[in-house]
C-alpha atoms as a PDB file:
ATOM      1  CA  MET A   1      72.037 112.448 100.945  1.00  0.00           C
ATOM      2  CA  GLU A   2      69.814 113.151 103.783  1.00  0.00           C
ATOM      3  CA  ARG A   3      72.593 114.615 106.694  1.00  0.00           C
ATOM      4  CA  LYS A   4      72.565 112.238 110.107  1.00  0.00           C
ATOM      5  CA  ASP A   5      74.839 112.744 112.864  1.00  0.00           C
ATOM      6  CA  ASN A   6      75.522 109.294 114.636  1.00  0.00           C
ATOM      7  CA  ILE A   7      76.623 107.553 111.605  1.00  0.00           C
ATOM      8  CA  LYS A   8      80.164 106.167 111.275  1.00  0.00           C
ATOM      9  CA  ILE A   9      81.947 104.743 108.437  1.00  0.00           C
ATOM     10  CA  LEU A  10      84.723 102.661 108.070  1.00  0.00           C
ATOM     11  CA  ILE A  11      86.897 102.701 105.137  1.00  0.00           C
ATOM     12  CA  LEU A  12      88.973  99.875 104.697  1.00  0.00           C
ATOM     13  CA  GLY A  13      92.276 100.427 102.786  1.00  0.00           C
ATOM     14  CA  GLY A  14      91.509 104.412 103.118  1.00  0.00           C
ATOM     15  CA  TYR A  15      94.807 105.963 102.705  1.00  0.00           C
ATOM     16  CA  GLY A  16      94.648 104.621  99.295  1.00  0.00           C
ATOM     17  CA  SER A  17      93.967 106.384  95.744  1.00  0.00           C
ATOM     18  CA  VAL A  18      90.144 105.084  95.887  1.00  0.00           C
ATOM     19  CA  GLY A  19      89.514 104.679  99.414  1.00  0.00           C
ATOM     20  CA  TYR A  20      90.786 107.996  99.537  1.00  0.00           C
ATOM     21  CA  GLU A  21      88.912 110.002  97.382  1.00  0.00           C
ATOM     22  CA  THR A  22      85.710 108.508  98.762  1.00  0.00           C
ATOM     23  CA  ALA A  23      86.659 109.561 102.244  1.00  0.00           C
ATOM     24  CA  LYS A  24      86.666 113.180 100.563  1.00  0.00           C
ATOM     25  CA  ILE A  25      83.260 112.686  98.826  1.00  0.00           C
ATOM     26  CA  LEU A  26      81.817 111.456 102.243  1.00  0.00           C
ATOM     27  CA  LEU A  27      82.685 114.610 103.774  1.00  0.00           C
ATOM     28  CA  LYS A  28      81.543 117.092 101.386  1.00  0.00           C
ATOM     29  CA  GLN A  29      78.089 114.990 101.531  1.00  0.00           C
ATOM     30  CA  THR A  30      77.331 113.807 105.096  1.00  0.00           C
ATOM     31  CA  LYS A  31      78.259 114.648 108.630  1.00  0.00           C
ATOM     32  CA  ALA A  32      79.591 111.151 109.164  1.00  0.00           C
ATOM     33  CA  LYS A  33      82.409 110.233 110.583  1.00  0.00           C
ATOM     34  CA  ILE A  34      84.914 108.559 108.806  1.00  0.00           C
ATOM     35  CA  LEU A  35      87.099 105.762 110.137  1.00  0.00           C
ATOM     36  CA  ILE A  36      90.103 105.703 107.574  1.00  0.00           C
ATOM     37  CA  ALA A  37      91.616 102.560 108.493  1.00  0.00           C
ATOM     38  CA  GLY A  38      94.605  99.704 107.422  1.00  0.00           C
ATOM     39  CA  ARG A  39      97.432  97.311 108.180  1.00  0.00           C
ATOM     40  CA  ASN A  40      99.629 100.402 108.542  1.00  0.00           C
ATOM     41  CA  LEU A  41      98.337 102.324 110.888  1.00  0.00           C
ATOM     42  CA  ASP A  42     101.241 105.573 110.190  1.00  0.00           C
ATOM     43  CA  LYS A  43      99.279 106.355 106.553  1.00  0.00           C
ATOM     44  CA  ALA A  44      96.052 105.931 108.465  1.00  0.00           C
ATOM     45  CA  LYS A  45      96.951 108.889 110.324  1.00  0.00           C
ATOM     46  CA  SER A  46      98.702 110.516 108.171  1.00  0.00           C
ATOM     47  CA  ALA A  47      95.506 110.356 105.449  1.00  0.00           C
ATOM     48  CA  SER A  48      93.124 111.288 108.242  1.00  0.00           C
ATOM     49  CA  GLU A  49      95.176 114.314 109.160  1.00  0.00           C
ATOM     50  CA  LYS A  50      95.100 115.351 105.656  1.00  0.00           C
ATOM     51  CA  LEU A  51      91.195 114.630 105.149  1.00  0.00           C
ATOM     52  CA  SER A  52      90.861 116.713 108.146  1.00  0.00           C
ATOM     53  CA  LYS A  53      92.637 119.750 106.858  1.00  0.00           C
ATOM     54  CA  TYR A  54      90.763 119.003 103.837  1.00  0.00           C
ATOM     55  CA  GLN A  55      87.439 119.417 104.808  1.00  0.00           C
ATOM     56  CA  ASN A  56      88.523 121.292 108.323  1.00  0.00           C
ATOM     57  CA  THR A  57      86.509 118.599 110.693  1.00  0.00           C
ATOM     58  CA  GLU A  58      87.505 116.304 113.387  1.00  0.00           C
ATOM     59  CA  ASN A  59      85.271 113.677 111.690  1.00  0.00           C
ATOM     60  CA  VAL A  60      88.325 111.334 110.750  1.00  0.00           C
ATOM     61  CA  ILE A  61      90.063 108.993 112.251  1.00  0.00           C
ATOM     62  CA  GLY A  62      92.461 106.772 111.013  1.00  0.00           C
ATOM     63  CA  ILE A  63      93.245 103.389 113.042  1.00  0.00           C
ATOM     64  CA  SER A  64      94.977 100.410 112.320  1.00  0.00           C
ATOM     65  CA  ILE A  65      92.471  96.649 110.977  1.00  0.00           C
ATOM     66  CA  ASP A  66      94.467  93.386 109.876  1.00  0.00           C
ATOM     67  CA  THR A  67      91.162  91.924 108.447  1.00  0.00           C
ATOM     68  CA  SER A  68      93.797  88.524 108.274  1.00  0.00           C
ATOM     69  CA  ASN A  69      93.215  87.662 111.491  1.00  0.00           C
END
């Protein structure tokens, strides 16, 4: 995968099992900024902090999004 600096990837449900593992793979293979999103902001922030430590990066952000609105 080509590495680009300006890519942002939003992962809805990024603190769940599949979303979290997907984020780990993307962090290893790209320089993309990863947005971990879901209805629960605390879970999103917790997952983003773990991923940041895992990959030693600041390219992960936890945000709250409710797609039902």
